């Protein structure tokens, strides 16, 4: 099923800094640009067209209502079994055929509720969309508010159940940050001590864990890139750093599984740090990705 989308972008500007952002509500409320004085901080990868046509992620996409992959094409919530059919809207399989990253990649029915020079609020009535409700039968509203101020992009997410039924959620954001004008092989990665989740051959945790010591090295071919290729390490990236000629540093860090922070020495550029909620009871509960 193909839906017509309004792909009008919304440009936001921080009145106190040269930080700007571009969001496209009609393309899944994706951020396609985060620029600091004309320097692009988000990886464009294959661009918006590939995101629209094939769900190839870029910028800052929303992975909703689940991030990462499910272990099967069915799931159980409070005794209710939900089956994801092969032709279900928005269901995208990984290389092993498992549903991954939710249902809303490039979803066109977000509606902008408030737009100003520095702030955008958009809303999706999830329960009113039959094609979504079939794969996730938990009626609710989801609202995203993004705002630029004090050299910071703040993303706030609010989920409001619209029926007398709990809403299970394990959603996430996937920022594709890049270090401007720095060759990838020069990136330095610092990994903290982490708890490693052991995965099976399909990328699903087995339940076993192991402690992984702190480590650092280059992202390049012979460095810590192997950690990410293996699919066996799970935890936040503490920092990616490259010293500039002037002695400064550019850092991008993930303090935990629910947050990301990118900053320069001259101030914050992007900050999202929040809490993961397994389920939301029938009440209004704001989940702030940045305070």
C-alpha atoms as a PDB file:
ATOM      1  CA  UNK A   1       0.000   0.000   0.000  1.00  0.00           C
ATOM      2  CA  UNK A   2       1.481   3.306  -1.092  1.00  0.00           C
ATOM      3  CA  UNK A   3       0.332   6.547   0.528  1.00  0.00           C
ATOM      4  CA  UNK A   4       0.751  10.030  -0.831  1.00  0.00           C
ATOM      5  CA  UNK A   5       3.003  12.111   1.381  1.00  0.00           C
ATOM      6  CA  UNK A   6       3.501  15.819   1.857  1.00  0.00           C
ATOM      7  CA  UNK A   7       7.286  16.064   1.886  1.00  0.00           C
ATOM      8  CA  UNK A   8       7.462  19.747   2.775  1.00  0.00           C
ATOM      9  CA  UNK A   9      10.515  20.209   5.030  1.00  0.00           C
ATOM     10  CA  UNK A  10      10.432  22.317   8.188  1.00  0.00           C
ATOM     11  CA  UNK A  11      13.561  24.379   8.885  1.00  0.00           C
ATOM     12  CA  UNK A  12      14.304  25.224  12.510  1.00  0.00           C
ATOM     13  CA  UNK A  13      16.890  27.739  13.712  1.00  0.00           C
ATOM     14  CA  UNK A  14      18.396  28.365  17.112  1.00  0.00           C
ATOM     15  CA  UNK A  15      18.106  32.099  17.893  1.00  0.00           C
ATOM     16  CA  UNK A  16      21.174  31.937  20.147  1.00  0.00           C
ATOM     17  CA  UNK A  17      23.601  30.051  17.880  1.00  0.00           C
ATOM     18  CA  UNK A  18      24.250  29.058  14.237  1.00  0.00           C
ATOM     19  CA  UNK A  19      22.608  25.663  14.845  1.00  0.00           C
ATOM     20  CA  UNK A  20      19.805  24.687  12.443  1.00  0.00           C
ATOM     21  CA  UNK A  21      17.796  21.532  11.762  1.00  0.00           C
ATOM     22  CA  UNK A  22      15.472  20.211   9.071  1.00  0.00           C
ATOM     23  CA  UNK A  23      12.585  17.827   9.770  1.00  0.00           C
ATOM     24  CA  UNK A  24      10.143  16.261   7.315  1.00  0.00           C
ATOM     25  CA  UNK A  25       6.898  15.353   9.134  1.00  0.00           C
ATOM     26  CA  UNK A  26       5.456  13.643   6.047  1.00  0.00           C
ATOM     27  CA  UNK A  27       8.440  11.277   5.876  1.00  0.00           C
ATOM     28  CA  UNK A  28       8.104   9.690   9.296  1.00  0.00           C
ATOM     29  CA  UNK A  29       9.049  12.861  11.183  1.00  0.00           C
ATOM     30  CA  UNK A  30      12.688  12.268  10.269  1.00  0.00           C
ATOM     31  CA  UNK A  31      15.464  14.799  10.846  1.00  0.00           C
ATOM     32  CA  UNK A  32      17.342  15.140   7.566  1.00  0.00           C
ATOM     33  CA  UNK A  33      19.846  17.779   8.651  1.00  0.00           C
ATOM     34  CA  UNK A  34      21.533  19.170  11.753  1.00  0.00           C
ATOM     35  CA  UNK A  35      23.928  21.914  10.782  1.00  0.00           C
ATOM     36  CA  UNK A  36      26.225  24.093  12.864  1.00  0.00           C
ATOM     37  CA  UNK A  37      27.271  27.182  10.971  1.00  0.00           C
ATOM     38  CA  UNK A  38      26.864  25.369   7.663  1.00  0.00           C
ATOM     39  CA  UNK A  39      28.722  22.238   8.801  1.00  0.00           C
ATOM     40  CA  UNK A  40      26.501  19.153   8.432  1.00  0.00           C
ATOM     41  CA  UNK A  41      26.562  16.893  11.490  1.00  0.00           C
ATOM     42  CA  UNK A  42      24.231  14.121  10.284  1.00  0.00           C
ATOM     43  CA  UNK A  43      25.172  11.356   7.913  1.00  0.00           C
ATOM     44  CA  UNK A  44      23.085  11.614   4.752  1.00  0.00           C
ATOM     45  CA  UNK A  45      23.918   8.071   3.623  1.00  0.00           C
ATOM     46  CA  UNK A  46      21.645   7.222   0.685  1.00  0.00           C
ATOM     47  CA  UNK A  47      19.408  10.233   1.267  1.00  0.00           C
ATOM     48  CA  UNK A  48      15.710  10.819   1.810  1.00  0.00           C
ATOM     49  CA  UNK A  49      14.632   9.090  -1.410  1.00  0.00           C
ATOM     50  CA  UNK A  50      16.080   5.755  -0.266  1.00  0.00           C
ATOM     51  CA  UNK A  51      14.439   6.193   3.133  1.00  0.00           C
ATOM     52  CA  UNK A  52      11.079   6.759   1.461  1.00  0.00           C
ATOM     53  CA  UNK A  53      11.352   3.903  -1.020  1.00  0.00           C
ATOM     54  CA  UNK A  54      13.166   1.233   0.959  1.00  0.00           C
ATOM     55  CA  UNK A  55      13.429   2.361   4.590  1.00  0.00           C
ATOM     56  CA  UNK A  56      17.206   2.897   4.315  1.00  0.00           C
ATOM     57  CA  UNK A  57      17.865   5.044   7.349  1.00  0.00           C
ATOM     58  CA  UNK A  58      19.682   8.386   7.498  1.00  0.00           C
ATOM     59  CA  UNK A  59      19.710  11.528   9.642  1.00  0.00           C
ATOM     60  CA  UNK A  60      17.721  10.881  12.827  1.00  0.00           C
ATOM     61  CA  UNK A  61      14.923   8.360  12.185  1.00  0.00           C
ATOM     62  CA  UNK A  62      12.386   7.206  14.759  1.00  0.00           C
ATOM     63  CA  UNK A  63      12.273   3.424  15.330  1.00  0.00           C
ATOM     64  CA  UNK A  64       8.724   2.835  16.560  1.00  0.00           C
ATOM     65  CA  UNK A  65       6.960   1.100  18.290  1.00  0.00           C
ATOM     66  CA  UNK A  66       9.971  -1.170  18.682  1.00  0.00           C
ATOM     67  CA  UNK A  67      13.655  -0.609  18.043  1.00  0.00           C
ATOM     68  CA  UNK A  68      15.987  -3.368  16.935  1.00  0.00           C
ATOM     69  CA  UNK A  69      14.458  -6.728  15.997  1.00  0.00           C
ATOM     70  CA  UNK A  70      11.749  -9.014  17.301  1.00  0.00           C
ATOM     71  CA  UNK A  71      12.649 -12.651  17.883  1.00  0.00           C
ATOM     72  CA  UNK A  72       9.714 -13.926  15.796  1.00  0.00           C
ATOM     73  CA  UNK A  73       6.857 -12.796  13.585  1.00  0.00           C
ATOM     74  CA  UNK A  74       4.496 -13.088  16.544  1.00  0.00           C
ATOM     75  CA  UNK A  75       4.603 -11.538  19.993  1.00  0.00           C
ATOM     76  CA  UNK A  76       2.520 -11.821  23.173  1.00  0.00           C
ATOM     77  CA  UNK A  77       1.310  -8.987  25.407  1.00  0.00           C
ATOM     78  CA  UNK A  78      -0.898  -9.712  28.454  1.00  0.00           C
ATOM     79  CA  UNK A  79      -2.106 -12.957  26.946  1.00  0.00           C
ATOM     80  CA  UNK A  80      -2.839 -11.403  23.536  1.00  0.00           C
ATOM     81  CA  UNK A  81      -0.935 -12.877  20.600  1.00  0.00           C
ATOM     82  CA  UNK A  82      -0.207 -10.565  17.675  1.00  0.00           C
ATOM     83  CA  UNK A  83       0.863 -12.022  14.321  1.00  0.00           C
ATOM     84  CA  UNK A  84       2.731  -9.932  11.779  1.00  0.00           C
ATOM     85  CA  UNK A  85       1.624 -11.045   8.337  1.00  0.00           C
ATOM     86  CA  UNK A  86       4.092 -11.033   5.429  1.00  0.00           C
ATOM     87  CA  UNK A  87       2.231  -8.231   3.649  1.00  0.00           C
ATOM     88  CA  UNK A  88       1.605  -6.109   6.774  1.00  0.00           C
ATOM     89  CA  UNK A  89       2.191  -2.390   6.320  1.00  0.00           C
ATOM     90  CA  UNK A  90       5.561  -1.121   7.558  1.00  0.00           C
ATOM     91  CA  UNK A  91       6.969  -4.499   8.598  1.00  0.00           C
ATOM     92  CA  UNK A  92      10.539  -4.753   7.332  1.00  0.00           C
ATOM     93  CA  UNK A  93      12.588  -7.939   7.776  1.00  0.00           C
ATOM     94  CA  UNK A  94      16.281  -8.097   8.578  1.00  0.00           C
ATOM     95  CA  UNK A  95      18.626 -10.528   6.828  1.00  0.00           C
ATOM     96  CA  UNK A  96      17.157 -13.376   8.865  1.00  0.00           C
ATOM     97  CA  UNK A  97      13.562 -12.451   8.126  1.00  0.00           C
ATOM     98  CA  UNK A  98      12.901 -10.990  11.591  1.00  0.00           C
ATOM     99  CA  UNK A  99      10.844  -7.777  11.905  1.00  0.00           C
ATOM    100  CA  UNK A 100      13.150  -4.856  12.682  1.00  0.00           C
ATOM    101  CA  UNK A 101      12.779  -1.210  13.740  1.00  0.00           C
ATOM    102  CA  UNK A 102       9.013  -0.979  14.017  1.00  0.00           C
ATOM    103  CA  UNK A 103       6.390   0.198  11.545  1.00  0.00           C
ATOM    104  CA  UNK A 104       6.861   3.929  10.988  1.00  0.00           C
ATOM    105  CA  UNK A 105       9.792   4.254   8.571  1.00  0.00           C
ATOM    106  CA  UNK A 106       8.814   7.185   6.306  1.00  0.00           C
ATOM    107  CA  UNK A 107       5.208   7.009   7.528  1.00  0.00           C
ATOM    108  CA  UNK A 108       3.322   9.907   5.885  1.00  0.00           C
ATOM    109  CA  UNK A 109       0.410  10.625   8.235  1.00  0.00           C
ATOM    110  CA  UNK A 110       2.179  12.692  10.850  1.00  0.00           C
ATOM    111  CA  UNK A 111       0.475  16.061  11.259  1.00  0.00           C
ATOM    112  CA  UNK A 112       2.298  19.226  12.302  1.00  0.00           C
ATOM    113  CA  UNK A 113       0.470  20.778  15.258  1.00  0.00           C
ATOM    114  CA  UNK A 114       2.772  23.672  16.072  1.00  0.00           C
ATOM    115  CA  UNK A 115       5.472  25.251  13.932  1.00  0.00           C
ATOM    116  CA  UNK A 116       7.664  28.217  14.844  1.00  0.00           C
ATOM    117  CA  UNK A 117      11.143  29.372  13.898  1.00  0.00           C
ATOM    118  CA  UNK A 118      12.765  27.146  16.518  1.00  0.00           C
ATOM    119  CA  UNK A 119      10.133  24.572  17.526  1.00  0.00           C
ATOM    120  CA  UNK A 120       8.059  21.893  15.788  1.00  0.00           C
ATOM    121  CA  UNK A 121       5.401  19.611  17.272  1.00  0.00           C
ATOM    122  CA  UNK A 122       3.860  16.805  15.226  1.00  0.00           C
ATOM    123  CA  UNK A 123       1.345  14.145  16.189  1.00  0.00           C
ATOM    124  CA  UNK A 124       0.264  10.723  14.938  1.00  0.00           C
ATOM    125  CA  UNK A 125      -2.986   9.043  15.991  1.00  0.00           C
ATOM    126  CA  UNK A 126      -1.604   5.530  15.860  1.00  0.00           C
ATOM    127  CA  UNK A 127      -4.847   3.819  16.811  1.00  0.00           C
ATOM    128  CA  UNK A 128      -6.789   5.530  14.017  1.00  0.00           C
ATOM    129  CA  UNK A 129      -4.590   4.005  11.296  1.00  0.00           C
ATOM    130  CA  UNK A 130      -5.987   0.568  10.426  1.00  0.00           C
ATOM    131  CA  UNK A 131      -2.788  -0.523   8.678  1.00  0.00           C
ATOM    132  CA  UNK A 132      -0.765   0.176  11.845  1.00  0.00           C
ATOM    133  CA  UNK A 133      -3.336  -1.107  14.308  1.00  0.00           C
ATOM    134  CA  UNK A 134      -3.309  -4.526  12.599  1.00  0.00           C
ATOM    135  CA  UNK A 135       0.334  -5.097  13.635  1.00  0.00           C
ATOM    136  CA  UNK A 136       0.257  -3.158  16.897  1.00  0.00           C
ATOM    137  CA  UNK A 137      -3.309  -3.219  18.314  1.00  0.00           C
ATOM    138  CA  UNK A 138      -2.730  -0.777  21.171  1.00  0.00           C
ATOM    139  CA  UNK A 139      -4.506   2.544  20.466  1.00  0.00           C
ATOM    140  CA  UNK A 140      -2.580   5.677  21.400  1.00  0.00           C
ATOM    141  CA  UNK A 141      -1.354   9.084  20.274  1.00  0.00           C
ATOM    142  CA  UNK A 142       2.346   9.733  19.825  1.00  0.00           C
ATOM    143  CA  UNK A 143       3.609  13.320  19.815  1.00  0.00           C
ATOM    144  CA  UNK A 144       7.091  14.531  18.934  1.00  0.00           C
ATOM    145  CA  UNK A 145       8.343  17.980  19.832  1.00  0.00           C
ATOM    146  CA  UNK A 146      11.724  19.173  18.589  1.00  0.00           C
ATOM    147  CA  UNK A 147      13.238  22.478  19.631  1.00  0.00           C
ATOM    148  CA  UNK A 148      16.487  24.350  19.088  1.00  0.00           C
ATOM    149  CA  UNK A 149      17.814  26.556  21.875  1.00  0.00           C
ATOM    150  CA  UNK A 150      21.134  27.186  23.618  1.00  0.00           C
ATOM    151  CA  UNK A 151      23.063  25.344  20.899  1.00  0.00           C
ATOM    152  CA  UNK A 152      21.024  22.202  21.568  1.00  0.00           C
ATOM    153  CA  UNK A 153      18.489  20.107  19.696  1.00  0.00           C
ATOM    154  CA  UNK A 154      15.981  18.716  22.179  1.00  0.00           C
ATOM    155  CA  UNK A 155      13.622  15.918  21.173  1.00  0.00           C
ATOM    156  CA  UNK A 156      10.647  15.148  23.442  1.00  0.00           C
ATOM    157  CA  UNK A 157       8.309  12.198  22.912  1.00  0.00           C
ATOM    158  CA  UNK A 158       4.883  11.858  24.542  1.00  0.00           C
ATOM    159  CA  UNK A 159       2.726   8.747  24.266  1.00  0.00           C
ATOM    160  CA  UNK A 160      -0.930   8.931  25.322  1.00  0.00           C
ATOM    161  CA  UNK A 161      -3.057   5.757  25.356  1.00  0.00           C
ATOM    162  CA  UNK A 162      -6.524   6.356  23.859  1.00  0.00           C
ATOM    163  CA  UNK A 163      -8.186   3.189  25.170  1.00  0.00           C
ATOM    164  CA  UNK A 164      -8.369   1.328  28.451  1.00  0.00           C
ATOM    165  CA  UNK A 165      -5.406  -0.775  27.418  1.00  0.00           C
ATOM    166  CA  UNK A 166      -1.710  -0.651  28.261  1.00  0.00           C
ATOM    167  CA  UNK A 167       0.683   0.247  25.442  1.00  0.00           C
ATOM    168  CA  UNK A 168       3.928  -1.794  25.262  1.00  0.00           C
ATOM    169  CA  UNK A 169       6.767   0.272  23.845  1.00  0.00           C
ATOM    170  CA  UNK A 170      10.473  -0.237  23.308  1.00  0.00           C
ATOM    171  CA  UNK A 171      11.126   2.480  20.751  1.00  0.00           C
ATOM    172  CA  UNK A 172      14.270   4.408  19.988  1.00  0.00           C
ATOM    173  CA  UNK A 173      16.029   7.005  17.863  1.00  0.00           C
ATOM    174  CA  UNK A 174      18.966   6.249  15.592  1.00  0.00           C
ATOM    175  CA  UNK A 175      21.114   9.388  15.091  1.00  0.00           C
ATOM    176  CA  UNK A 176      23.644   9.048  12.280  1.00  0.00           C
ATOM    177  CA  UNK A 177      26.275  11.462  13.529  1.00  0.00           C
ATOM    178  CA  UNK A 178      29.345  12.279  11.511  1.00  0.00           C
ATOM    179  CA  UNK A 179      32.572  14.093  12.252  1.00  0.00           C
ATOM    180  CA  UNK A 180      32.909  16.840   9.642  1.00  0.00           C
ATOM    181  CA  UNK A 181      36.033  16.939   7.483  1.00  0.00           C
ATOM    182  CA  UNK A 182      37.635  14.029   9.330  1.00  0.00           C
ATOM    183  CA  UNK A 183      38.548  10.834   7.425  1.00  0.00           C
ATOM    184  CA  UNK A 184      36.872   7.834   9.007  1.00  0.00           C
ATOM    185  CA  UNK A 185      40.147   5.984   9.555  1.00  0.00           C
ATOM    186  CA  UNK A 186      41.289   8.829  11.856  1.00  0.00           C
ATOM    187  CA  UNK A 187      38.332   8.520  14.215  1.00  0.00           C
ATOM    188  CA  UNK A 188      39.287   7.434  17.727  1.00  0.00           C
ATOM    189  CA  UNK A 189      36.726   5.431  19.689  1.00  0.00           C
ATOM    190  CA  UNK A 190      36.727   5.067  23.465  1.00  0.00           C
ATOM    191  CA  UNK A 191      34.640   2.183  24.794  1.00  0.00           C
ATOM    192  CA  UNK A 192      33.843   2.033  28.518  1.00  0.00           C
ATOM    193  CA  UNK A 193      33.585  -1.109  30.585  1.00  0.00           C
ATOM    194  CA  UNK A 194      30.381  -2.727  29.370  1.00  0.00           C
ATOM    195  CA  UNK A 195      28.080  -5.625  30.016  1.00  0.00           C
ATOM    196  CA  UNK A 196      28.077  -7.670  26.824  1.00  0.00           C
ATOM    197  CA  UNK A 197      24.861  -9.399  25.777  1.00  0.00           C
ATOM    198  CA  UNK A 198      25.635 -12.650  24.024  1.00  0.00           C
ATOM    199  CA  UNK A 199      23.616 -12.972  20.811  1.00  0.00           C
ATOM    200  CA  UNK A 200      22.556 -15.960  18.789  1.00  0.00           C
ATOM    201  CA  UNK A 201      23.109 -16.242  15.059  1.00  0.00           C
ATOM    202  CA  UNK A 202      20.018 -14.108  14.348  1.00  0.00           C
ATOM    203  CA  UNK A 203      21.086 -11.216  16.587  1.00  0.00           C
ATOM    204  CA  UNK A 204      18.732 -12.054  19.479  1.00  0.00           C
ATOM    205  CA  UNK A 205      20.118 -12.051  23.059  1.00  0.00           C
ATOM    206  CA  UNK A 206      20.451 -15.540  24.497  1.00  0.00           C
ATOM    207  CA  UNK A 207      20.211 -14.326  28.086  1.00  0.00           C
ATOM    208  CA  UNK A 208      23.909 -14.872  28.757  1.00  0.00           C
ATOM    209  CA  UNK A 209      26.139 -11.899  29.543  1.00  0.00           C
ATOM    210  CA  UNK A 210      29.836 -11.158  29.928  1.00  0.00           C
ATOM    211  CA  UNK A 211      31.849  -8.198  31.155  1.00  0.00           C
ATOM    212  CA  UNK A 212      33.883  -6.371  28.507  1.00  0.00           C
ATOM    213  CA  UNK A 213      36.825  -4.200  29.654  1.00  0.00           C
ATOM    214  CA  UNK A 214      37.311  -0.619  28.540  1.00  0.00           C
ATOM    215  CA  UNK A 215      39.007  -0.244  25.190  1.00  0.00           C
ATOM    216  CA  UNK A 216      40.061   2.416  22.717  1.00  0.00           C
ATOM    217  CA  UNK A 217      41.328   2.496  19.175  1.00  0.00           C
ATOM    218  CA  UNK A 218      40.582   3.618  15.661  1.00  0.00           C
ATOM    219  CA  UNK A 219      37.358   2.958  13.809  1.00  0.00           C
ATOM    220  CA  UNK A 220      39.435   1.893  10.794  1.00  0.00           C
ATOM    221  CA  UNK A 221      39.921  -1.512   9.355  1.00  0.00           C
ATOM    222  CA  UNK A 222      42.376  -2.792  11.979  1.00  0.00           C
ATOM    223  CA  UNK A 223      40.850  -1.052  15.005  1.00  0.00           C
ATOM    224  CA  UNK A 224      37.753  -1.439  17.173  1.00  0.00           C
ATOM    225  CA  UNK A 225      35.482  -1.585  14.138  1.00  0.00           C
ATOM    226  CA  UNK A 226      35.522  -5.356  14.598  1.00  0.00           C
ATOM    227  CA  UNK A 227      33.420  -4.863  17.745  1.00  0.00           C
ATOM    228  CA  UNK A 228      30.542  -3.564  15.662  1.00  0.00           C
ATOM    229  CA  UNK A 229      30.961  -6.004  12.795  1.00  0.00           C
ATOM    230  CA  UNK A 230      30.752  -9.012  15.077  1.00  0.00           C
ATOM    231  CA  UNK A 231      27.275  -8.185  16.327  1.00  0.00           C
ATOM    232  CA  UNK A 232      28.336  -9.563  19.693  1.00  0.00           C
ATOM    233  CA  UNK A 233      29.012  -6.403  21.668  1.00  0.00           C
ATOM    234  CA  UNK A 234      26.222  -4.281  23.085  1.00  0.00           C
ATOM    235  CA  UNK A 235      26.586  -1.041  25.019  1.00  0.00           C
ATOM    236  CA  UNK A 236      26.989   2.682  24.592  1.00  0.00           C
ATOM    237  CA  UNK A 237      29.859   4.267  22.733  1.00  0.00           C
ATOM    238  CA  UNK A 238      31.545   6.502  25.247  1.00  0.00           C
ATOM    239  CA  UNK A 239      33.200   8.799  22.779  1.00  0.00           C
ATOM    240  CA  UNK A 240      34.478   9.333  19.287  1.00  0.00           C
ATOM    241  CA  UNK A 241      37.250  11.884  19.206  1.00  0.00           C
ATOM    242  CA  UNK A 242      39.702  13.428  16.799  1.00  0.00           C
ATOM    243  CA  UNK A 243      42.046  16.202  17.810  1.00  0.00           C
ATOM    244  CA  UNK A 244      42.033  19.210  15.535  1.00  0.00           C
ATOM    245  CA  UNK A 245      45.075  21.216  14.501  1.00  0.00           C
ATOM    246  CA  UNK A 246      44.112  23.882  17.007  1.00  0.00           C
ATOM    247  CA  UNK A 247      44.158  21.328  19.802  1.00  0.00           C
ATOM    248  CA  UNK A 248      40.409  21.030  20.164  1.00  0.00           C
ATOM    249  CA  UNK A 249      38.343  17.877  19.987  1.00  0.00           C
ATOM    250  CA  UNK A 250      35.129  16.743  18.398  1.00  0.00           C
ATOM    251  CA  UNK A 251      33.278  14.182  20.431  1.00  0.00           C
ATOM    252  CA  UNK A 252      30.211  12.045  19.881  1.00  0.00           C
ATOM    253  CA  UNK A 253      29.135   9.881  22.762  1.00  0.00           C
ATOM    254  CA  UNK A 254      26.365   7.516  23.799  1.00  0.00           C
ATOM    255  CA  UNK A 255      26.131   7.589  27.592  1.00  0.00           C
ATOM    256  CA  UNK A 256      23.630   4.719  27.512  1.00  0.00           C
ATOM    257  CA  UNK A 257      21.333   2.746  25.273  1.00  0.00           C
ATOM    258  CA  UNK A 258      18.666   5.464  25.311  1.00  0.00           C
ATOM    259  CA  UNK A 259      20.755   8.520  24.649  1.00  0.00           C
ATOM    260  CA  UNK A 260      23.253  10.208  22.434  1.00  0.00           C
ATOM    261  CA  UNK A 261      25.266  13.346  22.950  1.00  0.00           C
ATOM    262  CA  UNK A 262      27.302  15.099  20.308  1.00  0.00           C
ATOM    263  CA  UNK A 263      29.198  18.198  21.265  1.00  0.00           C
ATOM    264  CA  UNK A 264      32.081  20.422  20.404  1.00  0.00           C
ATOM    265  CA  UNK A 265      34.291  22.314  22.777  1.00  0.00           C
ATOM    266  CA  UNK A 266      32.250  25.456  22.083  1.00  0.00           C
ATOM    267  CA  UNK A 267      28.985  23.959  23.358  1.00  0.00           C
ATOM    268  CA  UNK A 268      26.298  21.341  22.895  1.00  0.00           C
ATOM    269  CA  UNK A 269      25.087  20.557  19.391  1.00  0.00           C
ATOM    270  CA  UNK A 270      22.801  17.602  20.026  1.00  0.00           C
ATOM    271  CA  UNK A 271      21.671  16.105  23.246  1.00  0.00           C
ATOM    272  CA  UNK A 272      19.220  13.275  23.726  1.00  0.00           C
ATOM    273  CA  UNK A 273      19.267  11.338  26.933  1.00  0.00           C
ATOM    274  CA  UNK A 274      16.204   9.706  28.401  1.00  0.00           C
ATOM    275  CA  UNK A 275      14.621   6.658  29.939  1.00  0.00           C
ATOM    276  CA  UNK A 276      13.382   3.523  28.262  1.00  0.00           C
ATOM    277  CA  UNK A 277       9.862   2.478  29.225  1.00  0.00           C
ATOM    278  CA  UNK A 278       8.723  -1.082  28.690  1.00  0.00           C
ATOM    279  CA  UNK A 279       5.049  -0.198  28.852  1.00  0.00           C
ATOM    280  CA  UNK A 280       2.786   2.783  29.347  1.00  0.00           C
ATOM    281  CA  UNK A 281      -0.415   2.489  31.329  1.00  0.00           C
ATOM    282  CA  UNK A 282      -3.558   4.433  30.262  1.00  0.00           C
ATOM    283  CA  UNK A 283      -2.375   7.850  31.379  1.00  0.00           C
ATOM    284  CA  UNK A 284      -0.360  10.701  29.912  1.00  0.00           C
ATOM    285  CA  UNK A 285       3.310  10.018  30.383  1.00  0.00           C
ATOM    286  CA  UNK A 286       5.947  12.281  28.808  1.00  0.00           C
ATOM    287  CA  UNK A 287       9.184  10.585  27.832  1.00  0.00           C
ATOM    288  CA  UNK A 288      11.803  13.251  27.402  1.00  0.00           C
ATOM    289  CA  UNK A 289      14.729  12.464  25.205  1.00  0.00           C
ATOM    290  CA  UNK A 290      16.432  15.543  26.586  1.00  0.00           C
ATOM    291  CA  UNK A 291      15.731  17.609  29.641  1.00  0.00           C
END
